[in-house]
Every structure is written in structure tokens, then in C-alpha cells.
Amino acid sequence: MSENTQIAKLLYQIFELQKKMDKLYTKTGQIVHELHPLPFYEIEKNEQVKENLSRLKSLQSDIHRIEKEINLLREERTKAMFDELTRYMRRSGYTIEEFHVEQGSDAINKSSIELTLPQDSRIIAVIHNDKFNLHQGTLKLTEGDRVFILCHLNTIMDAAAIFSSSAQPA
């Protein structure tokens, strides 16, 4: 069975569990409404309310477990896709490299469209202020940003020089 089919089945299970939860919430709400003249601590002690709350917690736990399973399946699928993409890139002499924008770099306060990247290189993503950004070309780079570039293996050092400190040691 494909990962997509497994994920779809698991999502359907979550949907069914959520329907059960909705019914339980409605049922519990009706009970609480009927008991509303009582003090809250007495409503909490009601066996039906306690049982429904326990069942709700159990259903939430089941949903959480299924969500974890879905995430694992997606991670496995994503890893397999990236591994395949990496093989094709390597065959063609390309790689994805991560560079940090260093203090004193000429890249600081420049958008990626203002940078002169090596031929056949592309910025594909930037981690800026701890947020993932797909390359748009307008984001101004700041010190500490992490820049992910698709580039030819022969141009890695040229790309690295763009983001390193421009200060020359004395």
C-alpha cells in the first residue's frame, strides 16, 4: 500500500474520531446544561460527565497517536524524495549548500536579486529570524541568516565567498 493511501486512511480515521468527539461534546453539554442549577463541583462529580470527559481524553489521545503516525509516514516519503532528488543532482554535478550570512558580509542588507551568484546557482530558501522563507528575491539578508543555494559543485567556494566576512585579516 502506498504512503498516500495509508495517510488517506489515517486521515479518515481521524475524521471519524472527531465526529465521535463532536457527539460526546454535545452530549456532555446537554448533561451540564441540565445540571446547571447545581454547583460546579457537583457537576464535575456526575458519573456521566466524568465518563464522557474520560472518553474525550481517550479519543484525543488516539487522534494524537494517528497524527504522529501520519507525520512519520510523511517524513519517510519526504526523505525518500529528497534522496532521489539528491542522486539526480549529484549525477549532474549539483548540490544544495547552506551558508550563514557572516558579520561584515557584503550580502548584509541586500536582497538576493542584488547578489551576484555564480552561474547556474539559485537561492532556494532562507531561514530569517528563525522562519523558513521560500526564495522570493525581496527579503533583505541580515547577519546570521541561513541561505540555502542550489549550485554546481565547482562553484561552492564562489557562493561561500558571497556570505562570508569581507574583512581581510591583517
N, C-alpha and C. Protein backbone atom coordinates (compact mmCIF):
# COMPACT_ATOMS: atom_id res chain seq x y z
N MET A 1 0.85 -1.17 0.00
CA MET A 1 0.00 0.00 0.00
C MET A 1 0.90 1.24 0.00
N SER A 2 0.58 2.20 -0.82
CA SER A 2 1.39 3.40 -0.92
C SER A 2 1.23 4.27 0.33
N GLU A 3 2.23 5.13 0.54
CA GLU A 3 2.16 6.05 1.71
C GLU A 3 0.95 6.95 1.61
N ASN A 4 0.63 7.41 0.39
CA ASN A 4 -0.53 8.28 0.21
C ASN A 4 -1.82 7.59 0.63
N THR A 5 -1.96 6.32 0.28
CA THR A 5 -3.15 5.56 0.66
C THR A 5 -3.20 5.38 2.16
N GLN A 6 -2.06 5.06 2.76
CA GLN A 6 -2.01 4.89 4.21
C GLN A 6 -2.39 6.20 4.91
N ILE A 7 -1.84 7.29 4.44
CA ILE A 7 -2.13 8.60 5.03
C ILE A 7 -3.61 8.93 4.89
N ALA A 8 -4.17 8.65 3.72
CA ALA A 8 -5.60 8.93 3.49
C ALA A 8 -6.46 8.11 4.47
N LYS A 9 -6.12 6.85 4.66
CA LYS A 9 -6.88 6.01 5.60
C LYS A 9 -6.76 6.54 7.03
N LEU A 10 -5.56 6.97 7.40
CA LEU A 10 -5.37 7.50 8.74
C LEU A 10 -6.12 8.82 8.93
N LEU A 11 -6.13 9.66 7.90
CA LEU A 11 -6.89 10.91 7.98
C LEU A 11 -8.38 10.63 8.12
N TYR A 12 -8.86 9.59 7.46
CA TYR A 12 -10.27 9.22 7.58
C TYR A 12 -10.56 8.75 9.01
N GLN A 13 -9.61 8.00 9.60
CA GLN A 13 -9.79 7.56 10.99
C GLN A 13 -9.90 8.78 11.91
N ILE A 14 -9.06 9.77 11.68
CA ILE A 14 -9.12 10.99 12.49
C ILE A 14 -10.48 11.65 12.31
N PHE A 15 -10.96 11.73 11.08
CA PHE A 15 -12.26 12.33 10.80
C PHE A 15 -13.36 11.61 11.59
N GLU A 16 -13.34 10.29 11.59
CA GLU A 16 -14.34 9.51 12.32
C GLU A 16 -14.23 9.74 13.83
N LEU A 17 -13.01 9.80 14.35
CA LEU A 17 -12.82 10.06 15.77
C LEU A 17 -13.30 11.46 16.14
N GLN A 18 -13.08 12.42 15.26
CA GLN A 18 -13.56 13.78 15.53
C GLN A 18 -15.08 13.84 15.54
N LYS A 19 -15.72 13.06 14.68
CA LYS A 19 -17.19 13.01 14.71
C LYS A 19 -17.67 12.46 16.05
N LYS A 20 -17.01 11.41 16.54
CA LYS A 20 -17.36 10.86 17.84
C LYS A 20 -17.17 11.90 18.94
N MET A 21 -16.08 12.65 18.84
CA MET A 21 -15.82 13.70 19.84
C MET A 21 -16.91 14.76 19.80
N ASP A 22 -17.31 15.16 18.61
CA ASP A 22 -18.37 16.16 18.49
C ASP A 22 -19.65 15.69 19.16
N LYS A 23 -20.01 14.43 18.95
CA LYS A 23 -21.21 13.87 19.58
C LYS A 23 -21.07 13.86 21.10
N LEU A 24 -19.89 13.48 21.58
CA LEU A 24 -19.65 13.46 23.02
C LEU A 24 -19.70 14.86 23.63
N TYR A 25 -19.12 15.84 22.92
CA TYR A 25 -19.19 17.22 23.41
C TYR A 25 -20.64 17.68 23.52
N THR A 26 -21.43 17.36 22.50
CA THR A 26 -22.84 17.75 22.50
C THR A 26 -23.57 17.08 23.67
N LYS A 27 -23.34 15.77 23.82
CA LYS A 27 -23.98 15.01 24.90
C LYS A 27 -23.58 15.58 26.27
N THR A 28 -22.31 15.85 26.43
CA THR A 28 -21.80 16.37 27.70
C THR A 28 -22.37 17.76 27.96
N GLY A 29 -22.45 18.57 26.92
CA GLY A 29 -23.03 19.90 27.06
C GLY A 29 -24.48 19.84 27.50
N GLN A 30 -25.22 18.87 26.95
CA GLN A 30 -26.63 18.72 27.35
C GLN A 30 -26.74 18.33 28.82
N ILE A 31 -25.86 17.42 29.25
CA ILE A 31 -25.89 16.99 30.65
C ILE A 31 -25.56 18.17 31.56
N VAL A 32 -24.50 18.90 31.21
CA VAL A 32 -24.09 20.05 32.02
C VAL A 32 -25.21 21.09 32.06
N HIS A 33 -25.89 21.30 30.93
CA HIS A 33 -26.99 22.26 30.89
C HIS A 33 -28.12 21.83 31.84
N GLU A 34 -28.42 20.52 31.84
CA GLU A 34 -29.47 20.03 32.73
C GLU A 34 -29.08 20.19 34.20
N LEU A 35 -27.76 20.08 34.47
CA LEU A 35 -27.27 20.17 35.85
C LEU A 35 -26.86 21.58 36.25
N HIS A 36 -27.07 22.56 35.37
CA HIS A 36 -26.55 23.90 35.62
C HIS A 36 -27.00 24.55 36.94
N PRO A 37 -28.17 24.17 37.49
CA PRO A 37 -28.50 24.79 38.79
C PRO A 37 -27.57 24.33 39.92
N LEU A 38 -26.90 23.18 39.73
CA LEU A 38 -26.01 22.65 40.77
C LEU A 38 -24.69 23.40 40.80
N PRO A 39 -24.00 23.38 41.92
CA PRO A 39 -22.65 23.97 42.00
C PRO A 39 -21.70 23.19 41.06
N PHE A 40 -20.69 23.86 40.58
CA PHE A 40 -19.77 23.27 39.60
C PHE A 40 -19.13 21.98 40.12
N TYR A 41 -18.71 21.94 41.38
CA TYR A 41 -18.04 20.75 41.91
C TYR A 41 -18.96 19.53 41.88
N GLU A 42 -20.28 19.74 41.97
CA GLU A 42 -21.22 18.62 41.88
C GLU A 42 -21.37 18.16 40.43
N ILE A 43 -21.32 19.10 39.50
CA ILE A 43 -21.38 18.74 38.07
C ILE A 43 -20.16 17.90 37.71
N GLU A 44 -19.00 18.30 38.25
CA GLU A 44 -17.75 17.57 37.99
C GLU A 44 -17.83 16.13 38.50
N LYS A 45 -18.57 15.91 39.57
CA LYS A 45 -18.67 14.58 40.19
C LYS A 45 -19.68 13.69 39.48
N ASN A 46 -20.50 14.24 38.60
CA ASN A 46 -21.50 13.47 37.89
C ASN A 46 -20.82 12.37 37.08
N GLU A 47 -21.29 11.13 37.25
CA GLU A 47 -20.65 9.97 36.61
C GLU A 47 -20.67 10.07 35.08
N GLN A 48 -21.77 10.52 34.50
CA GLN A 48 -21.84 10.64 33.03
C GLN A 48 -20.85 11.68 32.52
N VAL A 49 -20.75 12.80 33.23
CA VAL A 49 -19.82 13.85 32.83
C VAL A 49 -18.39 13.32 32.92
N LYS A 50 -18.07 12.65 34.05
CA LYS A 50 -16.72 12.09 34.23
C LYS A 50 -16.40 11.07 33.15
N GLU A 51 -17.38 10.20 32.85
CA GLU A 51 -17.17 9.17 31.82
C GLU A 51 -16.96 9.81 30.44
N ASN A 52 -17.78 10.80 30.11
CA ASN A 52 -17.65 11.46 28.81
C ASN A 52 -16.31 12.18 28.69
N LEU A 53 -15.89 12.86 29.75
CA LEU A 53 -14.60 13.55 29.72
C LEU A 53 -13.46 12.55 29.56
N SER A 54 -13.57 11.42 30.22
CA SER A 54 -12.56 10.38 30.08
C SER A 54 -12.51 9.85 28.64
N ARG A 55 -13.68 9.62 28.06
CA ARG A 55 -13.74 9.16 26.67
C ARG A 55 -13.19 10.20 25.71
N LEU A 56 -13.47 11.49 25.97
CA LEU A 56 -12.93 12.57 25.14
C LEU A 56 -11.40 12.59 25.19
N LYS A 57 -10.85 12.42 26.39
CA LYS A 57 -9.39 12.39 26.52
C LYS A 57 -8.80 11.21 25.77
N SER A 58 -9.48 10.08 25.84
CA SER A 58 -9.02 8.89 25.13
C SER A 58 -9.05 9.10 23.62
N LEU A 59 -10.13 9.71 23.13
CA LEU A 59 -10.24 9.99 21.69
C LEU A 59 -9.17 10.98 21.25
N GLN A 60 -8.93 12.01 22.07
CA GLN A 60 -7.87 12.97 21.75
C GLN A 60 -6.51 12.29 21.69
N SER A 61 -6.29 11.37 22.60
CA SER A 61 -5.04 10.61 22.61
C SER A 61 -4.91 9.76 21.35
N ASP A 62 -6.01 9.13 20.93
CA ASP A 62 -6.00 8.33 19.71
C ASP A 62 -5.69 9.20 18.49
N ILE A 63 -6.30 10.37 18.43
CA ILE A 63 -6.06 11.30 17.32
C ILE A 63 -4.59 11.72 17.31
N HIS A 64 -4.06 12.02 18.48
CA HIS A 64 -2.66 12.44 18.58
C HIS A 64 -1.73 11.31 18.10
N ARG A 65 -2.02 10.08 18.48
CA ARG A 65 -1.21 8.93 18.05
C ARG A 65 -1.25 8.77 16.53
N ILE A 66 -2.44 8.91 15.95
CA ILE A 66 -2.58 8.78 14.49
C ILE A 66 -1.86 9.92 13.78
N GLU A 67 -1.93 11.13 14.32
CA GLU A 67 -1.22 12.27 13.73
C GLU A 67 0.29 12.03 13.72
N LYS A 68 0.81 11.43 14.80
CA LYS A 68 2.23 11.09 14.85
C LYS A 68 2.58 10.08 13.76
N GLU A 69 1.71 9.09 13.58
CA GLU A 69 1.93 8.07 12.55
C GLU A 69 1.93 8.71 11.15
N ILE A 70 1.01 9.63 10.93
CA ILE A 70 0.96 10.35 9.64
C ILE A 70 2.24 11.14 9.43
N ASN A 71 2.70 11.84 10.46
CA ASN A 71 3.93 12.63 10.34
C ASN A 71 5.13 11.74 10.02
N LEU A 72 5.20 10.56 10.63
CA LEU A 72 6.30 9.63 10.33
C LEU A 72 6.24 9.17 8.88
N LEU A 73 5.04 8.85 8.41
CA LEU A 73 4.90 8.43 7.02
C LEU A 73 5.30 9.55 6.07
N ARG A 74 4.88 10.77 6.38
CA ARG A 74 5.24 11.92 5.53
C ARG A 74 6.74 12.15 5.55
N GLU A 75 7.36 12.03 6.73
CA GLU A 75 8.81 12.21 6.83
C GLU A 75 9.54 11.16 6.00
N GLU A 76 9.09 9.91 6.09
CA GLU A 76 9.72 8.84 5.31
C GLU A 76 9.58 9.12 3.81
N ARG A 77 8.39 9.54 3.39
CA ARG A 77 8.14 9.83 1.98
C ARG A 77 9.00 11.01 1.53
N THR A 78 9.05 12.05 2.35
CA THR A 78 9.84 13.23 2.01
C THR A 78 11.32 12.88 1.93
N LYS A 79 11.80 12.08 2.88
CA LYS A 79 13.21 11.68 2.87
C LYS A 79 13.52 10.89 1.61
N ALA A 80 12.65 9.99 1.22
CA ALA A 80 12.87 9.20 0.01
C ALA A 80 12.91 10.11 -1.23
N MET A 81 12.01 11.09 -1.28
CA MET A 81 12.01 12.02 -2.42
C MET A 81 13.29 12.85 -2.46
N PHE A 82 13.72 13.34 -1.28
CA PHE A 82 14.95 14.13 -1.24
C PHE A 82 16.16 13.29 -1.61
N ASP A 83 16.19 12.03 -1.16
CA ASP A 83 17.29 11.14 -1.51
C ASP A 83 17.36 10.94 -3.02
N GLU A 84 16.21 10.76 -3.65
CA GLU A 84 16.18 10.58 -5.10
C GLU A 84 16.62 11.86 -5.80
N LEU A 85 16.11 13.00 -5.35
CA LEU A 85 16.49 14.28 -5.94
C LEU A 85 18.00 14.50 -5.79
N THR A 86 18.54 14.17 -4.63
CA THR A 86 19.97 14.33 -4.38
C THR A 86 20.78 13.47 -5.34
N ARG A 87 20.35 12.24 -5.58
CA ARG A 87 21.07 11.38 -6.53
C ARG A 87 21.12 12.01 -7.92
N TYR A 88 20.00 12.53 -8.39
CA TYR A 88 19.96 13.16 -9.72
C TYR A 88 20.81 14.43 -9.75
N MET A 89 20.76 15.22 -8.69
CA MET A 89 21.57 16.43 -8.64
C MET A 89 23.05 16.09 -8.69
N ARG A 90 23.47 15.11 -7.88
CA ARG A 90 24.89 14.71 -7.83
C ARG A 90 25.36 14.21 -9.19
N ARG A 91 24.52 13.44 -9.89
CA ARG A 91 24.89 12.94 -11.22
C ARG A 91 25.18 14.09 -12.18
N SER A 92 24.46 15.20 -11.98
CA SER A 92 24.63 16.37 -12.85
C SER A 92 25.64 17.37 -12.30
N GLY A 93 26.24 17.04 -11.15
CA GLY A 93 27.26 17.91 -10.58
C GLY A 93 26.72 19.02 -9.70
N TYR A 94 25.50 18.90 -9.21
CA TYR A 94 24.89 19.94 -8.37
C TYR A 94 24.72 19.47 -6.94
N THR A 95 24.57 20.45 -6.07
CA THR A 95 24.34 20.18 -4.66
C THR A 95 23.53 21.34 -4.07
N ILE A 96 22.98 21.12 -2.91
CA ILE A 96 22.35 22.21 -2.14
C ILE A 96 23.25 22.45 -0.94
N GLU A 97 23.69 23.69 -0.81
CA GLU A 97 24.58 24.05 0.28
C GLU A 97 23.92 25.11 1.16
N GLU A 98 24.29 25.08 2.41
CA GLU A 98 23.80 26.08 3.37
C GLU A 98 24.95 27.02 3.71
N PHE A 99 24.68 28.31 3.65
CA PHE A 99 25.67 29.32 4.01
C PHE A 99 25.06 30.24 5.06
N HIS A 100 25.90 30.68 5.99
CA HIS A 100 25.48 31.64 7.01
C HIS A 100 25.98 33.02 6.61
N VAL A 101 25.10 34.00 6.70
CA VAL A 101 25.50 35.37 6.41
C VAL A 101 26.31 35.85 7.61
N GLU A 102 27.60 36.07 7.38
CA GLU A 102 28.51 36.44 8.46
C GLU A 102 28.56 37.94 8.68
N GLN A 103 29.00 38.31 9.88
CA GLN A 103 29.19 39.73 10.20
C GLN A 103 30.19 40.31 9.20
N GLY A 104 29.88 41.46 8.66
CA GLY A 104 30.76 42.10 7.70
C GLY A 104 30.61 41.61 6.27
N SER A 105 29.69 40.71 6.04
CA SER A 105 29.47 40.19 4.69
C SER A 105 28.86 41.26 3.79
N ASP A 106 29.26 41.24 2.52
CA ASP A 106 28.67 42.16 1.55
C ASP A 106 27.20 41.85 1.30
N ALA A 107 26.73 40.68 1.71
CA ALA A 107 25.33 40.28 1.47
C ALA A 107 24.36 40.94 2.45
N ILE A 108 24.89 41.48 3.55
CA ILE A 108 24.02 42.10 4.56
C ILE A 108 23.28 43.29 3.96
N ASN A 109 22.00 43.35 4.26
CA ASN A 109 21.07 44.39 3.79
C ASN A 109 20.85 44.37 2.28
N LYS A 110 21.16 43.26 1.66
CA LYS A 110 20.88 43.12 0.23
C LYS A 110 19.84 42.02 0.04
N SER A 111 19.01 42.21 -0.95
CA SER A 111 18.09 41.13 -1.31
C SER A 111 18.83 40.20 -2.24
N SER A 112 18.32 39.01 -2.39
CA SER A 112 19.02 38.03 -3.22
C SER A 112 19.12 38.45 -4.68
N ILE A 113 18.19 39.28 -5.15
CA ILE A 113 18.28 39.72 -6.55
C ILE A 113 19.40 40.75 -6.73
N GLU A 114 19.89 41.31 -5.62
CA GLU A 114 21.00 42.26 -5.70
C GLU A 114 22.36 41.55 -5.64
N LEU A 115 22.34 40.26 -5.32
CA LEU A 115 23.59 39.49 -5.20
C LEU A 115 24.01 38.95 -6.57
N THR A 116 25.30 38.84 -6.75
CA THR A 116 25.82 38.24 -7.98
C THR A 116 26.22 36.81 -7.64
N LEU A 117 25.30 35.89 -7.90
CA LEU A 117 25.55 34.48 -7.62
C LEU A 117 26.33 33.85 -8.77
N PRO A 118 27.06 32.78 -8.48
CA PRO A 118 27.74 32.07 -9.57
C PRO A 118 26.72 31.58 -10.60
N GLN A 119 27.20 31.42 -11.84
CA GLN A 119 26.32 30.95 -12.92
C GLN A 119 25.67 29.62 -12.52
N ASP A 120 24.43 29.44 -12.91
CA ASP A 120 23.64 28.23 -12.63
C ASP A 120 23.42 27.99 -11.14
N SER A 121 23.45 29.05 -10.33
CA SER A 121 23.17 28.93 -8.90
C SER A 121 21.85 29.62 -8.60
N ARG A 122 21.11 29.08 -7.65
CA ARG A 122 19.82 29.64 -7.27
C ARG A 122 19.66 29.56 -5.76
N ILE A 123 19.23 30.67 -5.16
CA ILE A 123 18.84 30.61 -3.75
C ILE A 123 17.47 29.97 -3.72
N ILE A 124 17.32 28.93 -2.92
CA ILE A 124 16.03 28.25 -2.87
C ILE A 124 15.26 28.53 -1.58
N ALA A 125 16.00 28.87 -0.51
CA ALA A 125 15.32 29.17 0.75
C ALA A 125 16.25 29.96 1.66
N VAL A 126 15.63 30.69 2.59
CA VAL A 126 16.38 31.46 3.58
C VAL A 126 15.70 31.26 4.93
N ILE A 127 16.49 30.98 5.95
CA ILE A 127 15.99 30.98 7.32
C ILE A 127 16.33 32.36 7.87
N HIS A 128 15.30 33.17 8.08
CA HIS A 128 15.46 34.57 8.51
C HIS A 128 14.61 34.77 9.75
N ASN A 129 15.24 35.24 10.84
CA ASN A 129 14.53 35.41 12.12
C ASN A 129 13.84 34.12 12.54
N ASP A 130 14.54 33.01 12.38
CA ASP A 130 14.03 31.68 12.74
C ASP A 130 12.77 31.28 11.99
N LYS A 131 12.56 31.85 10.81
CA LYS A 131 11.40 31.49 9.98
C LYS A 131 11.89 31.05 8.62
N PHE A 132 11.27 30.01 8.11
CA PHE A 132 11.58 29.49 6.77
C PHE A 132 10.93 30.38 5.73
N ASN A 133 11.70 30.79 4.74
CA ASN A 133 11.20 31.63 3.66
C ASN A 133 11.59 31.03 2.33
N LEU A 134 10.61 30.72 1.51
CA LEU A 134 10.93 30.32 0.15
C LEU A 134 11.51 31.55 -0.54
N HIS A 135 12.42 31.34 -1.43
CA HIS A 135 13.08 32.46 -2.08
C HIS A 135 12.09 33.29 -2.88
N GLN A 136 12.02 34.56 -2.55
CA GLN A 136 11.17 35.50 -3.28
C GLN A 136 12.00 36.57 -3.96
N GLY A 137 13.23 36.74 -3.52
CA GLY A 137 14.10 37.74 -4.12
C GLY A 137 14.05 39.10 -3.47
N THR A 138 13.09 39.34 -2.58
CA THR A 138 12.94 40.67 -1.98
C THR A 138 13.40 40.75 -0.54
N LEU A 139 13.59 39.62 0.12
CA LEU A 139 13.99 39.60 1.52
C LEU A 139 15.41 40.16 1.67
N LYS A 140 15.57 41.15 2.54
CA LYS A 140 16.89 41.72 2.83
C LYS A 140 17.60 40.79 3.82
N LEU A 141 18.79 40.36 3.46
CA LEU A 141 19.54 39.44 4.30
C LEU A 141 20.15 40.18 5.49
N THR A 142 20.22 39.48 6.61
CA THR A 142 20.84 40.05 7.81
C THR A 142 21.86 39.05 8.34
N GLU A 143 22.73 39.55 9.18
CA GLU A 143 23.74 38.69 9.79
C GLU A 143 23.07 37.51 10.49
N GLY A 144 23.60 36.33 10.27
CA GLY A 144 23.07 35.12 10.90
C GLY A 144 22.04 34.39 10.08
N ASP A 145 21.53 35.02 9.02
CA ASP A 145 20.58 34.31 8.16
C ASP A 145 21.25 33.06 7.59
N ARG A 146 20.45 32.04 7.38
CA ARG A 146 20.93 30.81 6.75
C ARG A 146 20.35 30.78 5.34
N VAL A 147 21.23 30.68 4.36
CA VAL A 147 20.83 30.74 2.95
C VAL A 147 21.13 29.38 2.32
N PHE A 148 20.11 28.80 1.67
CA PHE A 148 20.27 27.51 1.01
C PHE A 148 20.31 27.75 -0.49
N ILE A 149 21.40 27.29 -1.10
CA ILE A 149 21.63 27.55 -2.52
C ILE A 149 21.80 26.24 -3.27
N LEU A 150 21.13 26.15 -4.41
CA LEU A 150 21.36 25.07 -5.36
C LEU A 150 22.47 25.57 -6.27
N CYS A 151 23.60 24.87 -6.30
CA CYS A 151 24.72 25.34 -7.12
C CYS A 151 25.52 24.15 -7.64
N HIS A 152 26.33 24.42 -8.65
CA HIS A 152 27.21 23.41 -9.20
C HIS A 152 28.34 23.17 -8.21
N LEU A 153 28.82 21.94 -8.15
CA LEU A 153 29.89 21.61 -7.20
C LEU A 153 31.13 22.48 -7.41
N ASN A 154 31.38 22.90 -8.64
CA ASN A 154 32.56 23.71 -8.95
C ASN A 154 32.43 25.15 -8.46
N THR A 155 31.23 25.58 -8.07
CA THR A 155 31.04 26.99 -7.69
C THR A 155 30.73 27.18 -6.20
N ILE A 156 30.88 26.13 -5.41
CA ILE A 156 30.56 26.23 -3.98
C ILE A 156 31.41 27.31 -3.31
N MET A 157 32.70 27.34 -3.60
CA MET A 157 33.58 28.32 -2.94
C MET A 157 33.21 29.74 -3.36
N ASP A 158 32.82 29.94 -4.63
CA ASP A 158 32.40 31.27 -5.08
C ASP A 158 31.14 31.70 -4.34
N ALA A 159 30.22 30.76 -4.18
CA ALA A 159 28.97 31.08 -3.44
C ALA A 159 29.28 31.38 -1.98
N ALA A 160 30.17 30.60 -1.38
CA ALA A 160 30.52 30.81 0.03
C ALA A 160 31.11 32.19 0.26
N ALA A 161 31.89 32.67 -0.69
CA ALA A 161 32.56 33.97 -0.55
C ALA A 161 31.53 35.11 -0.45
N ILE A 162 30.37 34.94 -1.06
CA ILE A 162 29.35 35.99 -1.03
C ILE A 162 28.84 36.24 0.38
N PHE A 163 28.78 35.21 1.18
CA PHE A 163 28.16 35.30 2.51
C PHE A 163 29.18 35.39 3.64
N SER A 164 30.45 35.21 3.32
CA SER A 164 31.48 35.29 4.37
C SER A 164 31.87 36.74 4.61
N SER A 165 32.62 36.95 5.67
CA SER A 165 33.06 38.29 6.04
C SER A 165 33.96 38.84 4.95
N SER A 166 33.73 40.08 4.57
CA SER A 166 34.56 40.71 3.54
C SER A 166 35.84 41.30 4.12
N ALA A 167 35.93 41.33 5.44
CA ALA A 167 37.12 41.88 6.09
C ALA A 167 38.30 40.96 5.87
N GLN A 168 39.40 41.51 5.44
CA GLN A 168 40.61 40.73 5.20
C GLN A 168 41.45 40.72 6.47
N PRO A 169 41.99 39.55 6.87
CA PRO A 169 42.85 39.52 8.06
C PRO A 169 44.13 40.31 7.82
N ALA A 170 44.62 40.95 8.88
CA ALA A 170 45.82 41.78 8.75
C ALA A 170 47.07 40.95 8.88
